[in-house]
Protein backbone atom coordinates (compact mmCIF):
# COMPACT_ATOMS: atom_id res chain seq x y z
CA MET A 1 -63.45 -3.85 94.20
CA MET A 2 -61.37 -3.21 91.13
CA GLY A 3 -61.49 -5.81 88.38
CA THR A 4 -58.65 -6.95 86.18
CA GLY A 5 -57.76 -4.34 83.63
CA THR A 6 -58.90 -1.35 85.70
CA THR A 7 -56.69 1.36 87.14
CA GLY A 8 -58.79 2.54 90.07
CA HIS A 9 -59.97 5.76 88.44
CA GLY A 10 -62.49 6.77 85.88
CA PRO A 11 -61.63 7.31 82.26
CA ASN A 12 -61.17 11.02 82.78
CA GLY A 13 -61.01 11.12 86.58
CA PRO A 14 -58.17 12.36 88.74
CA TRP A 15 -55.03 10.35 89.29
CA ASP A 16 -53.50 10.60 92.78
CA ALA A 17 -50.68 9.20 94.89
CA ARG A 18 -52.77 6.24 96.02
CA ASP A 19 -53.18 5.19 92.42
CA GLY A 20 -49.41 5.46 92.03
CA ARG A 21 -48.75 3.25 95.07
CA ASP A 22 -51.21 0.61 93.88
CA THR A 23 -49.70 0.66 90.40
CA THR A 24 -46.16 0.38 91.72
CA GLY A 25 -47.12 -2.54 93.96
CA ARG A 26 -48.69 -4.46 91.11
CA LEU A 27 -45.65 -3.92 88.90
CA LEU A 28 -43.26 -4.96 91.70
CA ARG A 29 -45.14 -8.20 92.27
CA ALA A 30 -45.10 -8.92 88.54
CA ALA A 31 -41.36 -8.16 88.30
CA THR A 32 -40.56 -10.79 90.92
CA GLY A 33 -42.01 -13.39 88.58
CA SER A 34 -40.52 -12.73 85.14
CA GLY A 35 -39.98 -10.05 82.53
CA ALA A 36 -42.93 -11.39 80.55
CA ARG A 37 -45.24 -11.00 83.57
CA LEU A 38 -43.98 -7.45 84.10
CA ILE A 39 -44.75 -6.47 80.51
CA ALA A 40 -48.16 -8.16 80.69
CA GLU A 41 -49.00 -6.24 83.89
CA ALA A 42 -47.91 -2.96 82.29
CA ALA A 43 -50.21 -3.63 79.34
CA THR A 44 -53.11 -4.32 81.71
CA LEU A 45 -52.51 -1.17 83.71
CA VAL A 46 -52.59 1.09 80.64
CA GLN A 47 -55.50 -0.89 79.14
CA GLY A 48 -53.56 -1.26 75.88
CA TRP A 49 -50.47 -3.13 74.80
CA ALA A 50 -46.82 -3.21 75.86
CA VAL A 51 -43.69 -4.47 74.08
CA LEU A 52 -40.03 -4.66 75.04
CA ALA A 53 -38.25 -4.34 71.67
CA ASP A 54 -34.60 -5.22 71.14
CA PRO A 55 -32.79 -3.92 68.00
CA ILE A 56 -31.34 -7.39 67.36
CA ALA A 57 -33.86 -9.85 68.78
CA GLY A 58 -36.99 -7.90 67.84
CA ALA A 59 -39.79 -8.27 70.38
CA VAL A 60 -38.35 -9.70 73.60
CA TYR A 61 -41.68 -9.60 75.46
CA SER A 62 -45.06 -8.63 74.06
CA ALA A 63 -48.50 -8.37 75.63
CA PRO A 64 -50.55 -9.34 73.76
CA ALA A 65 -48.40 -11.37 71.34
CA ALA A 66 -50.16 -9.81 68.35
CA ALA A 67 -48.70 -6.41 69.28
CA ALA A 68 -45.09 -7.53 68.76
CA ALA A 69 -44.75 -6.16 65.21
CA ASP A 70 -46.33 -2.82 66.14
CA GLY A 71 -44.00 -2.51 69.14
CA VAL A 72 -40.87 -3.17 67.10
CA HIS A 73 -41.98 -0.67 64.45
CA ALA A 74 -42.78 1.95 67.07
CA ALA A 75 -39.34 1.52 68.66
CA ALA A 76 -37.65 1.92 65.26
CA ALA A 77 -39.82 4.83 64.07
CA PRO A 78 -41.30 6.63 67.10
CA HIS A 79 -42.51 9.57 64.98
CA ASP A 80 -44.88 7.22 63.19
CA HIS A 81 -46.49 6.25 66.51
CA PRO A 82 -47.10 9.51 68.43
CA TYR A 83 -49.78 7.88 70.58
CA SER A 84 -47.27 5.48 72.17
CA VAL A 85 -44.68 6.01 74.89
CA GLN A 86 -41.09 4.83 74.35
CA LEU A 87 -38.44 4.61 77.05
CA PRO A 88 -34.98 2.94 77.00
CA ALA A 89 -34.88 -0.07 79.30
CA ALA A 90 -32.18 -2.70 79.87
CA GLY A 91 -30.52 -2.17 76.49
CA ALA A 92 -33.86 -2.29 74.67
CA VAL A 93 -36.87 -0.02 74.20
CA LEU A 94 -40.07 -0.23 76.23
CA VAL A 95 -43.11 0.72 74.14
CA LEU A 96 -46.50 1.34 75.77
CA ALA A 97 -49.67 2.06 73.78
CA PRO A 98 -52.37 3.10 76.27
CA ALA A 99 -56.09 3.17 75.71
CA PRO A 100 -57.42 6.63 74.75
CA ALA A 101 -59.18 6.96 78.12
CA THR A 102 -56.05 6.27 80.19
CA PRO A 103 -54.69 9.48 81.80
CA ALA A 104 -51.28 10.57 80.57
CA GLU A 105 -49.98 10.81 84.18
CA HIS A 106 -50.90 7.20 84.82
CA THR A 107 -49.30 6.02 81.54
CA GLY A 108 -46.11 7.94 82.33
CA HIS A 109 -45.95 6.43 85.83
CA VAL A 110 -46.43 2.89 84.50
CA ALA A 111 -43.79 3.43 81.81
CA ALA A 112 -41.20 4.89 84.21
CA THR A 113 -41.76 2.23 86.85
CA THR A 114 -41.69 -0.63 84.35
CA ALA A 115 -38.50 0.70 82.74
CA ALA A 116 -36.84 1.02 86.17
CA LEU A 117 -37.83 -2.53 87.11
CA LEU A 118 -36.52 -3.82 83.80
CA GLU A 119 -33.21 -2.10 84.53
CA VAL A 120 -33.06 -3.77 87.95
CA ARG A 121 -33.79 -7.15 86.40
CA GLY A 122 -31.12 -6.46 83.76
CA GLN A 123 -28.51 -5.57 86.40
CA ARG A 124 -29.31 -8.73 88.33
CA ALA A 125 -29.00 -10.77 85.15
CA ALA A 126 -25.65 -9.08 84.42
CA GLU A 127 -24.36 -10.09 87.86
CA LEU A 128 -25.15 -13.71 87.09
CA ARG A 129 -24.10 -13.53 83.43
CA GLY A 130 -20.38 -14.00 84.05
CA GLU A 131 -20.91 -17.31 85.83
CA GLN A 132 -23.39 -18.44 83.20
CA MET A 133 -20.97 -17.56 80.38
CA ARG A 134 -18.21 -19.58 82.05
CA LEU A 135 -20.58 -22.54 82.30
CA HIS A 136 -21.42 -22.24 78.62
CA THR A 137 -17.74 -22.11 77.68
CA THR A 138 -17.09 -25.24 79.75
CA LEU A 139 -19.92 -27.09 78.02
CA LEU A 140 -18.56 -26.05 74.61
CA ARG A 141 -15.11 -27.36 75.50
CA LEU A 142 -16.65 -30.63 76.68
CA LEU A 143 -18.44 -31.00 73.35
CA LEU A 144 -15.21 -30.34 71.45
CA ALA A 145 -13.40 -32.90 73.62
CA GLY A 146 -15.92 -35.56 72.63
CA HIS A 147 -17.95 -35.67 75.86
CA ALA A 148 -21.33 -35.26 74.19
CA ASP A 149 -23.09 -37.61 76.62
CA ALA A 150 -22.00 -35.51 79.60
CA VAL A 151 -23.29 -32.34 77.95
CA VAL A 152 -26.62 -33.99 77.09
CA ASP A 153 -26.96 -35.07 80.73
CA ALA A 154 -26.25 -31.50 81.85
CA LEU A 155 -29.01 -30.32 79.51
CA GLY A 156 -31.51 -32.65 81.11
CA GLY A 157 -31.67 -35.84 79.10
CA GLY A 158 -31.12 -37.63 75.82
CA ALA A 159 -33.46 -35.62 73.59
CA HIS A 160 -30.71 -33.55 72.01
CA THR A 161 -29.01 -35.33 69.13
CA HIS A 162 -27.60 -32.71 66.74
CA VAL A 163 -25.69 -29.46 66.80
CA THR A 164 -25.36 -26.42 64.53
CA VAL A 165 -22.17 -24.41 65.04
CA TYR A 166 -21.38 -20.76 64.25
CA ARG A 167 -17.90 -19.21 64.59
CA LEU A 168 -17.68 -15.40 64.52
CA THR A 169 -14.61 -13.18 64.40
CA GLY A 170 -14.07 -9.42 64.27
CA GLU A 171 -12.81 -6.47 66.28
CA ASP A 172 -16.13 -6.00 68.08
CA THR A 173 -16.46 -9.62 69.25
CA PRO A 174 -16.82 -8.82 73.02
CA ALA A 175 -19.67 -6.39 72.43
CA ALA A 176 -21.29 -8.78 69.99
CA HIS A 177 -21.11 -11.51 72.64
CA GLN A 178 -23.06 -9.38 75.11
CA VAL A 179 -25.63 -8.33 72.52
CA LEU A 180 -26.14 -11.86 71.24
CA TRP A 181 -26.43 -13.21 74.78
CA ARG A 182 -29.19 -10.73 75.56
CA ALA A 183 -30.94 -11.42 72.25
CA VAL A 184 -30.77 -15.21 72.49
CA ARG A 185 -31.53 -15.33 76.23
CA PRO A 186 -29.85 -18.76 76.46
CA THR A 187 -31.22 -21.21 78.98
CA LEU A 188 -30.19 -24.68 80.08
CA THR A 189 -33.74 -25.66 80.99
CA PRO A 190 -34.01 -29.45 81.06
CA HIS A 191 -36.06 -31.14 78.35
CA ALA A 192 -36.20 -28.02 76.16
CA ASP A 193 -36.45 -28.63 72.42
CA ALA A 194 -33.21 -26.72 71.82
CA CYS A 195 -30.46 -25.17 73.93
CA THR A 196 -28.05 -22.52 72.70
CA LEU A 197 -24.49 -22.41 74.06
CA LEU A 198 -22.44 -19.22 73.63
CA GLY A 199 -18.81 -18.80 74.53
CA ARG A 200 -15.57 -17.12 73.55
CA LEU A 201 -12.86 -19.60 72.62
CA ASP A 202 -9.42 -18.38 71.59
CA GLY A 203 -10.63 -14.88 70.84
CA GLU A 204 -13.62 -15.78 68.70
CA LEU A 205 -17.31 -16.10 69.49
CA VAL A 206 -18.71 -19.63 69.21
CA VAL A 207 -22.44 -20.36 69.12
CA ALA A 208 -23.62 -23.98 69.29
CA GLU A 209 -27.32 -24.71 68.98
CA VAL A 210 -27.99 -28.18 70.41
CA HIS A 211 -31.30 -29.55 69.15
CA ARG A 212 -33.20 -32.61 67.97
CA GLY A 213 -32.10 -32.71 64.36
CA SER A 214 -33.45 -29.45 62.95
CA ASP A 215 -33.83 -25.83 63.99
CA ASP A 216 -36.29 -23.06 63.20
CA GLY A 217 -33.67 -20.60 61.91
CA ARG A 218 -34.05 -18.21 64.84
CA ILE A 219 -30.37 -18.40 65.87
CA LEU A 220 -29.26 -17.99 62.26
CA ARG A 221 -31.31 -14.80 61.95
CA LEU A 222 -29.90 -13.42 65.21
CA VAL A 223 -26.30 -14.26 64.25
CA SER A 224 -26.83 -12.59 60.86
CA ARG A 225 -28.11 -9.40 62.48
CA VAL A 226 -25.25 -9.31 64.98
CA CYS A 227 -22.70 -9.80 62.18
CA GLU A 228 -24.18 -6.91 60.20
CA ARG A 229 -24.40 -4.61 63.20
CA HIS A 230 -20.89 -5.30 64.57
CA GLY A 231 -19.03 -5.99 61.31
CA LEU A 232 -18.23 -9.64 62.07
CA LEU A 233 -17.54 -12.52 59.69
CA ALA A 234 -19.02 -15.92 60.46
CA GLY A 235 -19.02 -19.52 59.29
CA MET A 236 -21.84 -21.98 59.93
CA ALA A 237 -21.82 -25.78 59.92
CA GLY A 238 -24.55 -28.31 60.63
CA PRO A 239 -26.83 -29.72 61.66
CA LEU A 240 -24.48 -32.62 62.44
CA PRO A 241 -24.73 -35.35 65.09
CA LEU A 242 -23.43 -34.26 68.47
CA ALA A 243 -20.62 -36.78 68.23
CA GLU A 244 -19.31 -34.82 65.21
CA MET A 245 -19.08 -31.51 67.07
CA SER A 246 -15.36 -31.22 66.34
CA THR A 247 -16.03 -31.71 62.62
CA ALA A 248 -18.74 -29.04 62.65
CA TYR A 249 -16.39 -26.74 64.56
CA CYS A 250 -13.66 -27.13 61.93
CA ASP A 251 -16.09 -26.80 59.02
CA ALA A 252 -17.48 -23.56 60.46
CA ALA A 253 -13.98 -22.08 60.59
CA ALA A 254 -13.30 -23.21 57.03
CA ALA A 255 -16.53 -21.58 55.88
CA ARG A 256 -15.66 -18.34 57.67
CA HIS A 257 -12.60 -17.93 55.43
CA SER A 258 -15.01 -17.46 52.51
CA ALA A 259 -17.06 -14.76 54.28
CA THR A 260 -16.84 -11.18 53.00
CA PRO A 261 -18.43 -7.88 54.02
CA ALA A 262 -21.01 -8.53 51.29
CA HIS A 263 -21.75 -12.05 52.60
CA ARG A 264 -20.90 -12.00 56.29
CA ILE A 265 -22.15 -15.47 57.17
CA VAL A 266 -21.32 -18.47 54.98
CA PRO A 267 -22.62 -22.02 55.50
CA ALA A 268 -20.08 -24.82 55.18
CA ASP A 269 -22.08 -26.66 52.53
CA ALA A 270 -21.93 -23.58 50.30
CA ILE A 271 -18.15 -23.99 49.89
CA GLY A 272 -17.81 -27.72 50.35
CA ALA A 273 -19.52 -28.88 47.14
CA PRO A 274 -17.89 -27.59 43.93
CA ARG A 275 -20.29 -26.76 41.11
CA LEU A 276 -18.27 -28.93 38.74
CA ALA A 277 -18.79 -32.17 40.70
CA PRO A 278 -22.50 -32.65 39.90
CA LEU A 279 -21.72 -32.34 36.15
CA LEU A 280 -19.25 -35.23 36.06
CA PRO A 281 -20.38 -38.75 35.02
CA ALA A 282 -21.29 -40.27 38.38
CA ALA A 283 -20.01 -43.86 38.06
CA PRO A 284 -16.44 -43.29 36.76
CA TYR A 285 -16.06 -40.19 38.92
CA ALA A 286 -17.02 -41.98 42.14
CA ARG A 287 -14.91 -45.06 41.36
CA TRP A 288 -11.86 -42.93 40.58
CA ALA A 289 -12.31 -40.93 43.81
CA ALA A 290 -12.69 -44.10 45.91
CA ALA A 291 -9.56 -45.56 44.31
CA VAL A 292 -7.30 -42.54 44.80
CA LEU A 293 -8.48 -41.95 48.40
CA ARG A 294 -8.19 -45.60 49.48
CA PRO A 295 -4.82 -45.06 51.28
CA LEU A 296 -6.31 -42.35 53.55
CA ASP A 297 -8.41 -42.81 56.67
CA PRO A 298 -11.41 -40.50 57.38
CA ALA A 299 -9.38 -38.24 59.69
CA GLN A 300 -6.75 -37.65 57.01
CA GLN A 301 -9.42 -36.96 54.41
CA HIS A 302 -11.10 -34.42 56.69
CA LEU A 303 -7.79 -32.65 57.34
CA LEU A 304 -7.12 -32.40 53.60
CA LEU A 305 -10.65 -31.12 52.97
CA VAL A 306 -10.30 -28.38 55.60
CA TRP A 307 -6.89 -27.45 54.16
CA LEU A 308 -8.25 -27.18 50.62
CA ARG A 309 -11.30 -25.19 51.76
CA THR A 310 -9.31 -22.67 53.79
CA GLY A 311 -6.56 -22.41 51.18
CA SER A 312 -3.51 -22.43 53.47
CA LYS A 313 -1.87 -24.57 56.13
CA PRO A 314 -1.96 -21.86 58.87
CA SER A 315 -5.68 -21.33 58.26
CA ALA A 316 -6.30 -25.07 58.35
CA ALA A 317 -4.33 -25.32 61.59
CA GLU A 318 -6.48 -22.60 63.13
CA ALA A 319 -9.67 -24.30 62.00
CA LEU A 320 -8.57 -27.72 63.24
CA GLY A 321 -7.13 -26.49 66.53
CA LEU A 322 -3.69 -27.91 65.69
CA SER A 323 -0.26 -26.38 65.33
CA ALA A 324 0.86 -25.36 61.87
CA GLY A 325 3.76 -27.80 62.11
CA THR A 326 1.42 -30.69 62.86
CA VAL A 327 -0.76 -29.82 59.87
CA ARG A 328 2.28 -29.61 57.57
CA ALA A 329 3.55 -32.97 58.79
CA ARG A 330 0.17 -34.64 58.26
CA ILE A 331 -0.18 -33.17 54.78
CA ARG A 332 3.28 -34.46 53.90
CA GLU A 333 2.26 -37.91 55.12
CA ALA A 334 -0.95 -37.74 53.07
CA ALA A 335 1.07 -36.74 49.99
CA ARG A 336 3.31 -39.76 50.54
CA LEU A 337 0.34 -42.11 50.86
CA LEU A 338 -1.30 -40.63 47.77
CA ASP A 339 2.01 -40.62 45.87
CA ALA A 340 1.13 -37.17 44.56
CA ASP A 341 2.62 -33.69 44.52
CA LEU A 342 0.13 -31.71 46.61
CA GLU A 343 1.97 -28.49 45.78
CA ASP A 344 0.65 -28.72 42.21
CA ALA A 345 -2.48 -26.61 41.66
CA THR A 346 -4.09 -29.15 39.33
CA VAL A 347 -3.50 -32.00 41.79
CA ARG A 348 -5.10 -29.93 44.55
CA ALA A 349 -8.13 -29.20 42.38
CA HIS A 350 -8.47 -32.91 41.54
CA LEU A 351 -8.10 -33.81 45.23
CA LEU A 352 -10.92 -31.45 46.16
CA LEU A 353 -13.11 -33.14 43.55
CA ALA A 354 -12.18 -36.55 44.93
CA LEU A 355 -12.99 -35.56 48.51
CA ARG A 356 -16.44 -34.29 47.48
CA ALA A 357 -17.31 -37.23 45.21
CA PRO A 358 -20.54 -39.18 45.78
CA ALA A 359 -20.36 -42.56 47.49
CA PRO A 360 -19.55 -45.35 44.99
CA ALA A 361 -22.66 -47.27 46.05
CA ASP A 362 -24.91 -44.35 45.06
CA SER A 363 -23.25 -43.89 41.68
CA ASP A 364 -23.23 -47.64 41.04
CA ALA A 365 -26.97 -47.78 41.69
CA ALA A 366 -27.51 -45.07 39.09
CA ALA A 367 -25.19 -46.85 36.67
CA ASP A 368 -26.94 -50.18 37.28
CA SER A 369 -30.31 -48.64 36.46
CA ASP A 370 -28.85 -47.27 33.21
CA SER A 371 -27.34 -50.67 32.40
CA ALA A 372 -30.66 -52.37 33.08
CA ALA A 373 -32.36 -49.99 30.70
CA ASP A 374 -29.74 -50.71 28.06
CA ALA A 375 -30.11 -54.45 28.57
CA ALA A 376 -33.88 -54.22 28.23
CA SER A 377 -33.46 -52.47 24.90
CA GLY A 378 -30.86 -55.05 23.78
CA SER A 379 -28.15 -52.47 23.19
CA GLY A 380 -25.96 -53.10 26.23
CA SER A 381 -25.79 -56.86 26.51
CA GLY A 382 -22.70 -57.99 28.43
CA SER A 383 -21.26 -54.49 28.71
CA GLY A 384 -21.97 -54.08 32.43
CA SER A 385 -19.71 -56.89 33.68
CA GLY A 386 -16.94 -55.90 31.31
CA SER A 387 -16.93 -52.30 32.54
CA ASP A 388 -16.90 -53.48 36.17
CA GLU A 389 -13.90 -55.73 35.49
CA ALA A 390 -12.13 -52.86 33.75
CA ALA A 391 -12.85 -50.60 36.70
CA LEU A 392 -11.39 -53.18 39.09
CA ARG A 393 -8.29 -53.56 36.92
CA ASN A 394 -7.78 -49.81 36.72
CA ALA A 395 -8.55 -49.07 40.40
CA GLY A 396 -4.92 -49.51 41.38
CA GLU A 397 -3.81 -47.25 38.52
CA ALA A 398 -6.01 -44.27 39.48
CA ARG A 399 -3.96 -41.17 40.26
CA LEU A 400 -4.68 -37.60 41.28
CA GLU A 401 -2.65 -36.18 38.39
CA ALA A 402 -5.27 -37.24 35.84
CA LEU A 403 -9.03 -37.66 35.95
CA PRO A 404 -10.63 -40.69 34.23
CA GLY A 405 -10.48 -40.42 30.45
CA GLY A 406 -13.24 -38.34 28.90
CA ILE A 407 -14.72 -37.23 32.21
CA LEU A 408 -14.12 -33.55 31.37
CA ASP A 409 -15.04 -33.88 27.69
CA THR A 410 -18.81 -33.80 28.11
CA GLY A 411 -20.90 -31.00 26.73
CA ALA A 412 -22.19 -30.06 30.18
CA VAL A 413 -18.68 -29.66 31.60
CA ARG A 414 -17.43 -27.61 28.63
CA ALA A 415 -20.51 -25.40 28.78
CA TRP A 416 -19.89 -24.83 32.50
CA ALA A 417 -16.23 -23.98 31.95
CA GLY A 418 -16.99 -21.66 29.04
CA GLY A 419 -19.70 -19.88 30.97
CA LEU A 420 -17.30 -19.33 33.84
CA VAL A 421 -14.15 -17.99 32.13
CA ASP A 422 -15.02 -17.10 28.53
CA GLY A 423 -14.58 -13.42 27.69
CA LEU A 424 -11.43 -12.84 29.73
CA GLU A 425 -8.88 -10.69 27.92
CA PRO A 426 -5.64 -12.58 27.07
CA ARG A 427 -3.59 -10.62 29.62
CA LEU A 428 -6.15 -11.30 32.35
CA ARG A 429 -6.44 -14.96 31.47
CA ILE A 430 -2.66 -15.47 31.49
CA ALA A 431 -2.24 -13.51 34.73
CA LEU A 432 -5.05 -15.42 36.44
CA THR A 433 -3.67 -18.78 35.28
CA CYS A 434 -0.21 -17.92 36.62
CA TRP A 435 -1.58 -16.62 39.92
CA LEU A 436 -3.65 -19.77 40.47
CA ARG A 437 -0.65 -21.94 39.66
CA HIS A 438 1.21 -20.14 42.46
CA HIS A 439 -1.67 -20.89 44.89
CA ALA A 440 -2.96 -17.29 44.98
CA ARG A 441 0.43 -15.82 45.98
CA THR A 442 0.83 -12.47 44.28
CA ALA A 443 4.58 -11.89 44.68
CA PRO A 444 5.90 -15.03 42.91
CA ALA A 445 3.21 -14.75 40.24
CA ALA A 446 4.15 -11.12 39.54
CA THR A 447 7.82 -12.14 39.32
CA GLU A 448 7.09 -14.84 36.75
CA LEU A 449 4.84 -12.50 34.78
CA HIS A 450 7.47 -9.69 34.95
CA VAL A 451 4.91 -7.14 36.10
CA HIS A 452 4.62 -5.08 39.25
CA ARG A 453 2.63 -6.56 42.13
CA THR A 454 0.29 -3.58 42.04
CA THR A 455 -0.39 -4.21 38.36
CA LEU A 456 -1.18 -7.87 39.02
CA THR A 457 -3.45 -6.95 41.93
CA THR A 458 -5.37 -4.56 39.67
CA TRP A 459 -5.74 -7.28 37.03
CA LEU A 460 -7.00 -9.76 39.61
CA HIS A 461 -9.66 -7.28 40.72
CA GLN A 462 -10.70 -6.97 37.08
CA CYS A 463 -10.85 -10.78 36.82
CA ALA A 464 -13.04 -11.01 39.91
CA ASP A 465 -15.39 -8.35 38.53
CA HIS A 466 -15.60 -10.02 35.12
CA LEU A 467 -16.14 -13.52 36.53
CA ALA A 468 -18.42 -12.28 39.34
CA GLN A 469 -16.59 -14.69 41.64
CA ASN A 470 -14.98 -14.40 45.08
CA LEU A 471 -11.31 -15.16 44.40
CA ALA A 472 -10.66 -15.27 48.15
CA ASP A 473 -12.58 -18.56 48.26
CA ALA A 474 -10.19 -21.49 47.79
CA THR A 475 -12.93 -23.71 46.33
CA VAL A 476 -13.77 -21.04 43.75
CA ARG A 477 -10.10 -20.78 42.80
CA ALA A 478 -9.86 -24.55 42.28
CA GLU A 479 -12.89 -24.51 39.99
CA ILE A 480 -11.57 -21.57 37.98
CA HIS A 481 -8.20 -23.32 37.59
CA LEU A 482 -9.92 -26.37 36.10
CA ALA A 483 -12.16 -24.22 33.90
CA LEU A 484 -9.10 -22.43 32.48
CA ARG A 485 -7.46 -25.78 31.69
CA ILE A 486 -10.63 -27.13 30.06
CA THR A 487 -11.04 -24.06 27.81
CA ARG A 488 -7.33 -23.55 27.07
CA CYS A 489 -6.53 -23.06 23.39
CA GLY A 490 -2.92 -21.90 23.64
CA ARG A 491 -0.30 -22.21 26.37
CA ASP A 492 -1.58 -19.41 28.62
CA ALA A 493 2.10 -18.93 29.47
CA PRO A 494 3.68 -15.76 30.90
CA ALA A 495 5.88 -15.52 27.80
CA ASP A 496 2.72 -14.96 25.74
CA LEU A 497 1.59 -12.00 27.85
CA PRO A 498 0.91 -9.00 25.57
CA ARG A 499 3.47 -6.24 26.22
CA ARG A 500 2.99 -2.52 25.83
CA GLY A 501 6.38 -1.31 27.03
CA GLY A 502 6.93 0.73 30.16
CA ARG A 503 8.13 -0.07 33.64
CA THR A 504 5.27 -2.38 34.60
CA TYR A 505 5.36 -4.38 31.34
CA ARG A 506 9.03 -5.30 31.17
CA ARG A 507 10.05 -8.08 28.83
CA ALA A 508 11.93 -11.04 30.28
């Protein structure tokens, strides 16, 4: 009787048709179980190791598990592994490394049969994939509609509490969907630690990882590889509670507007927290922000934040799933409540700072600890209550047009601003200031500067190279606008633009 791990022939003995039938039968029985069992049986039959390697997911199946890295390397560089056998199978590569004593005919038969069975399994999975994809899309729409409890029930219970959302766009989105589906191998198995939902909504690919508060980064790595391979741009948001799925969905779209071919996937928290905010004195900053935002409810604040992150009303409408007219109307209402001109670049920059300010309670705790230290030293007696009363008196006077007095006059803030924009040539500084004042619109800025649009575009590229900043990012533009105001010595006015004569440097 043959034992496990034998092939029915001696190390160097003949290999006949009976051996082939026995081998095929064992592989067929394994294939009816799972792909992992099929790969494990193939490894046993060749008395070595077997790996199914995917170019995106890496090792899909590996037997033993320790052979995964070798299998992936062999699939990528077959010339470095002449002892192994590689065959395409189900969109991946089957790699077999037989024992030295295993006959080549037997190894070839195992490889060909295993690859064929993997193709059959792949075709069967493709037949079911359409229905599964429609189910995933339905679950995504339920999450966006606020039916998180129904989705959790469909996933098998109440263990899932948080979600991480990715939104991908690009010309090759359909192909990327198929590749990512095969790489992720999504399952709705009840009581799993995490479930990944993939669907195409309104022409873009949406990936939602539903989990228990944290993830291992596997989906992020797969999305990054797919973006690089298919030239997609992606935004990521989360983890957030399942009830805030719509917020994560909007934030992911806002983050995607900051993605570039050099940085194809951008997390929402990378664009949502300006670098200037942590440098501002916490207590007056937080109190001012709470005062100016008091007329707005959380939904209005979130809409304004998405608008300021994306940089335009149509982009905000796309991210929020609203019509552009609805977004314009709600922004006009917010401007009325704030009693501010939201078309002013400085007001917008201040509003972004206000929306990202720390909670007043947190800043007050820090201020209280400082006051206690002052009181213990005898230098701050009675100053704490007086400052609180002054803050209460001035709360109704806080406006977006002006930050609290002295908040931008600290050494840390001036050092930040100087480090960001110092060294710009006068013409570049004036052009950049004018362009930012026109909300990154080149045509009206070029008209005011009396230069050709092509000239201004060239200058802006030079500014981006000098500053080492992504001027397509609305948050970056807001910070640069404030830095230019903080470091301004003259007027930075178009009339002061150095002229050299010629068609592209006409005087007004």
